[in-house]
PDB file of N, CA and C in Angstrom:
ATOM      1  N   MET A   1     155.072 110.657 161.739  1.00  0.00           N
ATOM      2  CA  MET A   1     154.321 112.075 161.549  1.00  0.00           C
ATOM      3  C   MET A   1     153.701 112.411 162.836  1.00  0.00           C
ATOM      4  N   THR A   2     154.147 113.699 163.589  1.00  0.00           N
ATOM      5  CA  THR A   2     153.203 114.125 164.594  1.00  0.00           C
ATOM      6  C   THR A   2     151.913 114.496 164.668  1.00  0.00           C
ATOM      7  N   THR A   3     151.453 114.434 165.381  1.00  0.00           N
ATOM      8  CA  THR A   3     149.980 115.383 165.310  1.00  0.00           C
ATOM      9  C   THR A   3     150.566 116.531 164.988  1.00  0.00           C
ATOM     10  N   SER A   4     151.019 117.621 165.403  1.00  0.00           N
ATOM     11  CA  SER A   4     151.507 119.186 165.477  1.00  0.00           C
ATOM     12  C   SER A   4     151.566 118.701 164.035  1.00  0.00           C
ATOM     13  N   TYR A   5     152.647 118.256 162.837  1.00  0.00           N
ATOM     14  CA  TYR A   5     152.857 118.567 161.844  1.00  0.00           C
ATOM     15  C   TYR A   5     152.202 118.544 161.212  1.00  0.00           C
ATOM     16  N   LYS A   6     151.201 117.661 161.382  1.00  0.00           N
ATOM     17  CA  LYS A   6     149.740 117.261 160.469  1.00  0.00           C
ATOM     18  C   LYS A   6     148.386 118.164 160.899  1.00  0.00           C
ATOM     19  N   LYS A   7     148.457 118.831 161.703  1.00  0.00           N
ATOM     20  CA  LYS A   7     147.933 119.787 161.649  1.00  0.00           C
ATOM     21  C   LYS A   7     148.122 121.011 161.354  1.00  0.00           C
ATOM     22  N   GLN A   8     149.465 121.251 161.321  1.00  0.00           N
ATOM     23  CA  GLN A   8     150.323 122.355 160.896  1.00  0.00           C
ATOM     24  C   GLN A   8     150.088 122.444 159.011  1.00  0.00           C
ATOM     25  N   ARG A   9     150.118 120.916 158.689  1.00  0.00           N
ATOM     26  CA  ARG A   9     149.695 120.452 157.220  1.00  0.00           C
ATOM     27  C   ARG A   9     148.321 121.293 156.708  1.00  0.00           C
ATOM     28  N   VAL A  10     147.331 120.364 157.535  1.00  0.00           N
ATOM     29  CA  VAL A  10     146.281 121.177 157.038  1.00  0.00           C
ATOM     30  C   VAL A  10     145.854 122.175 157.234  1.00  0.00           C
ATOM     31  N   ALA A  11     145.969 123.167 158.094  1.00  0.00           N
ATOM     32  CA  ALA A  11     146.102 124.564 158.238  1.00  0.00           C
ATOM     33  C   ALA A  11     146.478 125.441 156.887  1.00  0.00           C
ATOM     34  N   GLN A  12     147.719 124.599 156.358  1.00  0.00           N
ATOM     35  CA  GLN A  12     148.392 125.579 155.140  1.00  0.00           C
ATOM     36  C   GLN A  12     147.110 125.169 153.937  1.00  0.00           C
ATOM     37  N   VAL A  13     147.181 123.769 154.210  1.00  0.00           N
ATOM     38  CA  VAL A  13     146.174 123.481 152.749  1.00  0.00           C
ATOM     39  C   VAL A  13     145.024 124.342 152.922  1.00  0.00           C
ATOM     40  N   GLY A  14     144.406 124.351 154.136  1.00  0.00           N
ATOM     41  CA  GLY A  14     143.117 124.907 154.267  1.00  0.00           C
ATOM     42  C   GLY A  14     143.568 126.392 153.792  1.00  0.00           C
ATOM     43  N   ALA A  15     144.573 127.067 154.359  1.00  0.00           N
ATOM     44  CA  ALA A  15     145.064 128.895 154.076  1.00  0.00           C
ATOM     45  C   ALA A  15     144.575 128.705 152.365  1.00  0.00           C
ATOM     46  N   MET A  16     145.388 127.426 151.992  1.00  0.00           N
ATOM     47  CA  MET A  16     145.117 127.622 150.266  1.00  0.00           C
ATOM     48  C   MET A  16     144.140 127.629 149.489  1.00  0.00           C
ATOM     49  N   ALA A  17     143.503 126.547 150.121  1.00  0.00           N
ATOM     50  CA  ALA A  17     142.243 126.181 149.526  1.00  0.00           C
ATOM     51  C   ALA A  17     141.869 128.052 149.754  1.00  0.00           C
ATOM     52  N   LEU A  18     141.145 128.444 150.682  1.00  0.00           N
ATOM     53  CA  LEU A  18     140.669 129.902 150.626  1.00  0.00           C
ATOM     54  C   LEU A  18     142.049 130.611 149.667  1.00  0.00           C
ATOM     55  N   LEU A  19     142.851 131.125 149.491  1.00  0.00           N
ATOM     56  CA  LEU A  19     143.805 131.454 148.576  1.00  0.00           C
ATOM     57  C   LEU A  19     142.929 131.357 147.750  1.00  0.00           C
ATOM     58  N   SER A  20     143.509 129.893 146.822  1.00  0.00           N
ATOM     59  CA  SER A  20     142.851 129.499 145.607  1.00  0.00           C
ATOM     60  C   SER A  20     141.681 129.815 145.302  1.00  0.00           C
ATOM     61  N   SER A  21     140.552 129.724 146.024  1.00  0.00           N
ATOM     62  CA  SER A  21     139.559 130.141 145.343  1.00  0.00           C
ATOM     63  C   SER A  21     139.553 132.063 145.361  1.00  0.00           C
ATOM     64  N   TRP A  22     139.877 132.679 146.106  1.00  0.00           N
ATOM     65  CA  TRP A  22     140.182 134.139 145.992  1.00  0.00           C
ATOM     66  C   TRP A  22     140.912 134.375 144.574  1.00  0.00           C
ATOM     67  N   ALA A  23     142.048 133.743 143.965  1.00  0.00           N
ATOM     68  CA  ALA A  23     143.017 134.092 143.237  1.00  0.00           C
ATOM     69  C   ALA A  23     142.482 132.641 141.845  1.00  0.00           C
ATOM     70  N   SER A  24     141.436 132.020 142.164  1.00  0.00           N
ATOM     71  CA  SER A  24     141.829 130.780 141.215  1.00  0.00           C
ATOM     72  C   SER A  24     141.649 131.681 139.624  1.00  0.00           C
ATOM     73  N   ALA A  25     141.065 133.049 139.290  1.00  0.00           N
ATOM     74  CA  ALA A  25     140.706 133.799 138.184  1.00  0.00           C
ATOM     75  C   ALA A  25     142.657 133.903 138.042  1.00  0.00           C
ATOM     76  N   ALA A  26     143.451 134.214 138.385  1.00  0.00           N
ATOM     77  CA  ALA A  26     144.842 134.593 138.595  1.00  0.00           C
ATOM     78  C   ALA A  26     145.549 132.813 138.246  1.00  0.00           C
ATOM     79  N   ILE A  27     145.380 132.073 138.583  1.00  0.00           N
ATOM     80  CA  ILE A  27     146.097 130.769 138.532  1.00  0.00           C
ATOM     81  C   ILE A  27     145.309 129.692 137.123  1.00  0.00           C
ATOM     82  N   ALA A  28     145.881 130.392 135.934  1.00  0.00           N
ATOM     83  CA  ALA A  28     145.218 129.613 134.730  1.00  0.00           C
ATOM     84  C   ALA A  28     145.958 128.185 134.674  1.00  0.00           C
ATOM     85  N   GLU A  29     145.277 127.374 133.319  1.00  0.00           N
ATOM     86  CA  GLU A  29     145.952 125.927 133.455  1.00  0.00           C
ATOM     87  C   GLU A  29     147.338 125.765 133.039  1.00  0.00           C
ATOM     88  N   ASN A  30     147.662 127.190 132.529  1.00  0.00           N
ATOM     89  CA  ASN A  30     149.253 126.910 132.338  1.00  0.00           C
ATOM     90  C   ASN A  30     150.258 128.195 132.994  1.00  0.00           C
ATOM     91  N   GLY A  31     149.505 127.973 134.586  1.00  0.00           N
ATOM     92  CA  GLY A  31     149.924 128.915 135.856  1.00  0.00           C
ATOM     93  C   GLY A  31     151.345 127.999 136.432  1.00  0.00           C
ATOM     94  N   ILE A  32     151.321 128.798 137.206  1.00  0.00           N
ATOM     95  CA  ILE A  32     152.704 128.356 137.676  1.00  0.00           C
ATOM     96  C   ILE A  32     152.570 126.972 138.723  1.00  0.00           C
ATOM     97  N   TRP A  33     151.151 126.628 138.692  1.00  0.00           N
ATOM     98  CA  TRP A  33     150.927 125.312 139.303  1.00  0.00           C
ATOM     99  C   TRP A  33     151.102 124.039 138.253  1.00  0.00           C
ATOM    100  N   THR A  34     150.910 124.307 137.426  1.00  0.00           N
ATOM    101  CA  THR A  34     150.736 123.428 136.190  1.00  0.00           C
ATOM    102  C   THR A  34     152.094 122.675 136.203  1.00  0.00           C
ATOM    103  N   ASN A  35     151.633 121.157 136.311  1.00  0.00           N
ATOM    104  CA  ASN A  35     152.916 119.843 136.314  1.00  0.00           C
ATOM    105  C   ASN A  35     153.125 120.163 137.672  1.00  0.00           C
ATOM    106  N   ASN A  36     152.563 120.836 138.520  1.00  0.00           N
ATOM    107  CA  ASN A  36     153.416 120.868 139.882  1.00  0.00           C
ATOM    108  C   ASN A  36     152.233 120.144 140.994  1.00  0.00           C
ATOM    109  N   ASP A  37     151.799 119.196 140.415  1.00  0.00           N
ATOM    110  CA  ASP A  37     150.565 118.600 141.188  1.00  0.00           C
ATOM    111  C   ASP A  37     151.041 117.244 141.832  1.00  0.00           C
ATOM    112  N   TRP A  38     150.191 117.077 143.276  1.00  0.00           N
ATOM    113  CA  TRP A  38     150.939 116.277 144.418  1.00  0.00           C
ATOM    114  C   TRP A  38     149.714 115.840 145.381  1.00  0.00           C
ATOM    115  N   TYR A  39     150.219 114.633 145.787  1.00  0.00           N
ATOM    116  CA  TYR A  39     148.797 114.282 146.537  1.00  0.00           C
ATOM    117  C   TYR A  39     149.486 113.620 147.864  1.00  0.00           C
ATOM    118  N   ASP A  40     148.993 113.790 149.384  1.00  0.00           N
ATOM    119  CA  ASP A  40     149.402 112.786 149.832  1.00  0.00           C
ATOM    120  C   ASP A  40     149.003 111.992 150.805  1.00  0.00           C
ATOM    121  N   GLU A  41     148.879 111.091 150.499  1.00  0.00           N
ATOM    122  CA  GLU A  41     148.236 109.887 150.752  1.00  0.00           C
ATOM    123  C   GLU A  41     148.192 109.654 152.562  1.00  0.00           C
ATOM    124  N   THR A  42     148.936 110.017 153.138  1.00  0.00           N
ATOM    125  CA  THR A  42     149.024 109.744 154.334  1.00  0.00           C
ATOM    126  C   THR A  42     147.664 111.139 155.089  1.00  0.00           C
ATOM    127  N   LEU A  43     148.312 112.176 154.541  1.00  0.00           N
ATOM    128  CA  LEU A  43     147.044 113.135 154.879  1.00  0.00           C
ATOM    129  C   LEU A  43     145.785 113.499 154.251  1.00  0.00           C
ATOM    130  N   LYS A  44     145.902 112.455 152.883  1.00  0.00           N
ATOM    131  CA  LYS A  44     144.471 112.971 152.271  1.00  0.00           C
ATOM    132  C   LYS A  44     144.407 114.175 151.458  1.00  0.00           C
ATOM    133  N   ILE A  45     145.448 114.795 151.383  1.00  0.00           N
ATOM    134  CA  ILE A  45     145.499 116.409 150.779  1.00  0.00           C
ATOM    135  C   ILE A  45     146.506 116.211 149.701  1.00  0.00           C
ATOM    136  N   GLY A  46     145.642 117.017 148.385  1.00  0.00           N
ATOM    137  CA  GLY A  46     146.905 117.192 147.592  1.00  0.00           C
ATOM    138  C   GLY A  46     146.030 118.359 146.648  1.00  0.00           C
ATOM    139  N   VAL A  47     147.021 118.774 145.825  1.00  0.00           N
ATOM    140  CA  VAL A  47     146.824 120.457 144.374  1.00  0.00           C
ATOM    141  C   VAL A  47     147.220 119.491 143.742  1.00  0.00           C
ATOM    142  N   ALA A  48     146.314 119.794 142.505  1.00  0.00           N
ATOM    143  CA  ALA A  48     145.895 119.752 141.563  1.00  0.00           C
ATOM    144  C   ALA A  48     145.685 121.171 140.427  1.00  0.00           C
ATOM    145  N   ASN A  49     146.537 121.499 139.495  1.00  0.00           N
ATOM    146  CA  ASN A  49     146.663 122.445 138.856  1.00  0.00           C
ATOM    147  C   ASN A  49     146.254 123.626 139.778  1.00  0.00           C
ATOM    148  N   GLY A  50     146.537 123.599 141.188  1.00  0.00           N
ATOM    149  CA  GLY A  50     146.854 124.993 142.124  1.00  0.00           C
ATOM    150  C   GLY A  50     145.083 125.068 143.055  1.00  0.00           C
ATOM    151  N   GLU A  51     144.641 123.884 142.608  1.00  0.00           N
ATOM    152  CA  GLU A  51     143.601 124.008 143.921  1.00  0.00           C
ATOM    153  C   GLU A  51     143.117 122.760 144.896  1.00  0.00           C
ATOM    154  N   PRO A  52     143.203 122.686 145.775  1.00  0.00           N
ATOM    155  CA  PRO A  52     143.604 122.053 146.851  1.00  0.00           C
ATOM    156  C   PRO A  52     142.500 120.827 146.445  1.00  0.00           C
ATOM    157  N   TYR A  53     142.745 119.797 147.177  1.00  0.00           N
ATOM    158  CA  TYR A  53     141.760 118.711 146.582  1.00  0.00           C
ATOM    159  C   TYR A  53     141.597 117.730 147.917  1.00  0.00           C
ATOM    160  N   SER A  54     141.095 116.622 148.061  1.00  0.00           N
ATOM    161  CA  SER A  54     140.949 115.082 148.766  1.00  0.00           C
ATOM    162  C   SER A  54     139.762 114.177 148.134  1.00  0.00           C
ATOM    163  N   ASN A  55     140.310 112.981 148.195  1.00  0.00           N
ATOM    164  CA  ASN A  55     139.695 111.962 148.168  1.00  0.00           C
ATOM    165  C   ASN A  55     138.887 111.540 148.825  1.00  0.00           C
ATOM    166  N   ASP A  56     139.120 111.728 150.113  1.00  0.00           N
ATOM    167  CA  ASP A  56     138.536 111.542 151.403  1.00  0.00           C
ATOM    168  C   ASP A  56     137.456 112.420 151.768  1.00  0.00           C
ATOM    169  N   ALA A  57     136.160 111.804 151.973  1.00  0.00           N
ATOM    170  CA  ALA A  57     135.172 112.560 152.005  1.00  0.00           C
ATOM    171  C   ALA A  57     135.057 113.674 153.432  1.00  0.00           C
ATOM    172  N   SER A  58     136.053 112.798 154.433  1.00  0.00           N
ATOM    173  CA  SER A  58     136.168 113.471 155.744  1.00  0.00           C
ATOM    174  C   SER A  58     136.845 115.396 155.122  1.00  0.00           C
ATOM    175  N   MET A  59     137.961 114.704 154.338  1.00  0.00           N
ATOM    176  CA  MET A  59     139.059 115.937 154.591  1.00  0.00           C
ATOM    177  C   MET A  59     138.487 117.019 153.205  1.00  0.00           C
ATOM    178  N   ARG A  60     137.504 116.324 152.667  1.00  0.00           N
ATOM    179  CA  ARG A  60     137.079 117.155 151.356  1.00  0.00           C
ATOM    180  C   ARG A  60     136.258 118.182 152.254  1.00  0.00           C
ATOM    181  N   HIS A  61     135.554 117.941 153.162  1.00  0.00           N
ATOM    182  CA  HIS A  61     134.413 118.717 154.150  1.00  0.00           C
ATOM    183  C   HIS A  61     135.498 120.127 154.723  1.00  0.00           C
ATOM    184  N   ARG A  62     136.806 119.375 155.484  1.00  0.00           N
ATOM    185  CA  ARG A  62     137.394 120.102 155.646  1.00  0.00           C
ATOM    186  C   ARG A  62     137.945 121.402 155.085  1.00  0.00           C
ATOM    187  N   LEU A  63     138.312 121.185 153.790  1.00  0.00           N
ATOM    188  CA  LEU A  63     138.762 121.928 152.509  1.00  0.00           C
ATOM    189  C   LEU A  63     137.924 122.876 152.584  1.00  0.00           C
ATOM    190  N   ASN A  64     137.060 122.460 152.590  1.00  0.00           N
ATOM    191  CA  ASN A  64     135.211 123.268 151.990  1.00  0.00           C
ATOM    192  C   ASN A  64     134.856 124.306 152.771  1.00  0.00           C
ATOM    193  N   ALA A  65     135.166 123.964 153.919  1.00  0.00           N
ATOM    194  CA  ALA A  65     134.468 124.356 155.264  1.00  0.00           C
ATOM    195  C   ALA A  65     134.414 125.501 155.619  1.00  0.00           C
ATOM    196  N   PRO A  66     135.892 126.256 155.048  1.00  0.00           N
ATOM    197  CA  PRO A  66     135.751 127.747 154.716  1.00  0.00           C
ATOM    198  C   PRO A  66     135.730 128.465 153.731  1.00  0.00           C
ATOM    199  N   LEU A  67     135.072 128.019 152.820  1.00  0.00           N
ATOM    200  CA  LEU A  67     134.788 128.755 151.431  1.00  0.00           C
ATOM    201  C   LEU A  67     133.570 129.404 152.123  1.00  0.00           C
ATOM    202  N   SER A  68     133.541 130.784 151.505  1.00  0.00           N
ATOM    203  CA  SER A  68     132.152 131.303 151.516  1.00  0.00           C
ATOM    204  C   SER A  68     130.667 130.509 150.742  1.00  0.00           C
ATOM    205  N   VAL A  69     129.658 131.075 151.180  1.00  0.00           N
ATOM    206  CA  VAL A  69     128.333 130.385 150.690  1.00  0.00           C
ATOM    207  C   VAL A  69     127.731 131.823 149.276  1.00  0.00           C
ATOM    208  N   ASP A  70     127.982 131.288 148.611  1.00  0.00           N
ATOM    209  CA  ASP A  70     127.265 131.927 147.376  1.00  0.00           C
ATOM    210  C   ASP A  70     125.915 132.408 147.915  1.00  0.00           C
ATOM    211  N   GLY A  71     125.360 133.646 147.101  1.00  0.00           N
ATOM    212  CA  GLY A  71     123.924 134.248 147.854  1.00  0.00           C
ATOM    213  C   GLY A  71     123.893 135.368 148.466  1.00  0.00           C
ATOM    214  N   ASP A  72     123.428 135.836 148.697  1.00  0.00           N
ATOM    215  CA  ASP A  72     123.093 136.998 149.389  1.00  0.00           C
ATOM    216  C   ASP A  72     122.893 136.765 150.765  1.00  0.00           C
ATOM    217  N   VAL A  73     123.479 137.711 151.362  1.00  0.00           N
ATOM    218  CA  VAL A  73     124.038 137.376 152.863  1.00  0.00           C
ATOM    219  C   VAL A  73     122.870 138.217 153.922  1.00  0.00           C
ATOM    220  N   SER A  74     121.890 137.450 154.913  1.00  0.00           N
ATOM    221  CA  SER A  74     120.600 137.770 155.230  1.00  0.00           C
ATOM    222  C   SER A  74     121.071 138.790 155.764  1.00  0.00           C
ATOM    223  N   GLN A  75     120.088 139.396 156.178  1.00  0.00           N
ATOM    224  CA  GLN A  75     120.244 140.795 157.642  1.00  0.00           C
ATOM    225  C   GLN A  75     119.992 139.885 158.385  1.00  0.00           C
ATOM    226  N   ASP A  76     120.012 138.686 158.670  1.00  0.00           N
ATOM    227  CA  ASP A  76     119.757 138.060 160.957  1.00  0.00           C
ATOM    228  C   ASP A  76     120.773 136.997 160.855  1.00  0.00           C
ATOM    229  N   TYR A  77     122.217 137.277 159.825  1.00  0.00           N
ATOM    230  CA  TYR A  77     123.355 137.258 160.324  1.00  0.00           C
ATOM    231  C   TYR A  77     123.870 136.729 161.427  1.00  0.00           C
ATOM    232  N   MET A  78     123.477 137.627 162.816  1.00  0.00           N
ATOM    233  CA  MET A  78     123.861 137.649 163.757  1.00  0.00           C
ATOM    234  C   MET A  78     122.795 136.911 164.887  1.00  0.00           C
ATOM    235  N   THR A  79     121.845 135.968 164.247  1.00  0.00           N
ATOM    236  CA  THR A  79     121.379 134.679 165.227  1.00  0.00           C
ATOM    237  C   THR A  79     121.896 133.381 164.570  1.00  0.00           C
ATOM    238  N   ARG A  80     122.973 133.350 163.466  1.00  0.00           N
ATOM    239  CA  ARG A  80     123.166 132.015 163.133  1.00  0.00           C
ATOM    240  C   ARG A  80     123.923 131.753 163.864  1.00  0.00           C
ATOM    241  N   ALA A  81     124.282 130.036 164.032  1.00  0.00           N
ATOM    242  CA  ALA A  81     124.976 129.672 165.435  1.00  0.00           C
ATOM    243  C   ALA A  81     126.790 130.282 165.176  1.00  0.00           C
ATOM    244  N   ASN A  82     127.329 130.124 164.410  1.00  0.00           N
ATOM    245  CA  ASN A  82     128.626 130.135 164.476  1.00  0.00           C
ATOM    246  C   ASN A  82     129.414 131.616 164.521  1.00  0.00           C
ATOM    247  N   VAL A  83     128.153 132.663 164.454  1.00  0.00           N
ATOM    248  CA  VAL A  83     128.430 134.191 164.456  1.00  0.00           C
ATOM    249  C   VAL A  83     128.321 134.207 166.095  1.00  0.00           C
ATOM    250  N   ILE A  84     126.919 133.732 166.432  1.00  0.00           N
ATOM    251  CA  ILE A  84     127.012 133.755 168.181  1.00  0.00           C
ATOM    252  C   ILE A  84     128.165 133.367 168.820  1.00  0.00           C
ATOM    253  N   ARG A  85     128.797 132.075 168.285  1.00  0.00           N
ATOM    254  CA  ARG A  85     130.108 132.106 168.914  1.00  0.00           C
ATOM    255  C   ARG A  85     131.192 132.454 168.758  1.00  0.00           C
ATOM    256  N   ILE A  86     131.225 133.144 167.296  1.00  0.00           N
ATOM    257  CA  ILE A  86     132.310 134.349 167.795  1.00  0.00           C
ATOM    258  C   ILE A  86     132.246 135.469 168.659  1.00  0.00           C
ATOM    259  N   VAL A  87     130.843 135.851 168.275  1.00  0.00           N
ATOM    260  CA  VAL A  87     130.191 136.994 169.525  1.00  0.00           C
ATOM    261  C   VAL A  87     130.686 136.862 170.706  1.00  0.00           C
ATOM    262  N   SER A  88     130.607 135.745 171.190  1.00  0.00           N
ATOM    263  CA  SER A  88     130.454 135.198 172.428  1.00  0.00           C
ATOM    264  C   SER A  88     132.197 134.968 172.588  1.00  0.00           C
ATOM    265  N   ILE A  89     133.405 135.161 172.194  1.00  0.00           N
ATOM    266  CA  ILE A  89     134.777 134.917 172.138  1.00  0.00           C
ATOM    267  C   ILE A  89     135.375 135.968 171.756  1.00  0.00           C
ATOM    268  N   PHE A  90     134.582 137.013 170.922  1.00  0.00           N
ATOM    269  CA  PHE A  90     135.678 137.697 170.347  1.00  0.00           C
ATOM    270  C   PHE A  90     134.142 139.628 170.707  1.00  0.00           C
ATOM    271  N   ASP A  91     135.074 140.831 171.436  1.00  0.00           N
ATOM    272  CA  ASP A  91     133.746 141.894 171.246  1.00  0.00           C
ATOM    273  C   ASP A  91     134.656 142.368 170.353  1.00  0.00           C
ATOM    274  N   GLU A  92     133.363 143.829 170.009  1.00  0.00           N
ATOM    275  CA  GLU A  92     134.276 144.470 168.475  1.00  0.00           C
ATOM    276  C   GLU A  92     135.081 144.973 168.542  1.00  0.00           C
ATOM    277  N   ASN A  93     135.717 145.393 169.736  1.00  0.00           N
ATOM    278  CA  ASN A  93     136.787 145.982 169.855  1.00  0.00           C
ATOM    279  C   ASN A  93     138.112 145.175 169.500  1.00  0.00           C
ATOM    280  N   ASP A  94     138.186 143.917 170.203  1.00  0.00           N
ATOM    281  CA  ASP A  94     139.074 142.856 169.999  1.00  0.00           C
ATOM    282  C   ASP A  94     138.524 142.575 168.191  1.00  0.00           C
ATOM    283  N   TRP A  95     138.051 142.331 168.063  1.00  0.00           N
ATOM    284  CA  TRP A  95     137.923 142.183 166.235  1.00  0.00           C
ATOM    285  C   TRP A  95     138.494 142.590 165.172  1.00  0.00           C
TER     286      TRP A  95
END
């Protein structure tokens, strides 16, 4: 399996993680994903009832990293390291 394929697969599962968190109410236990679970031992990524998961701690971190944090967004978000990095790359018009 090539590195490019692995990166593509991780990106696909990451996108699925974002979509599944957004649409978790729409994917019921008897929904389209029921009985379509799978797990890829090589990539350490799987899907159970429409939600991506991993038994590997490192991959679990990658899957959960793009998820939003619950709670109030503070007004000082512009001082956060991740926001500063994005602002240094994209200006407001490009964003």
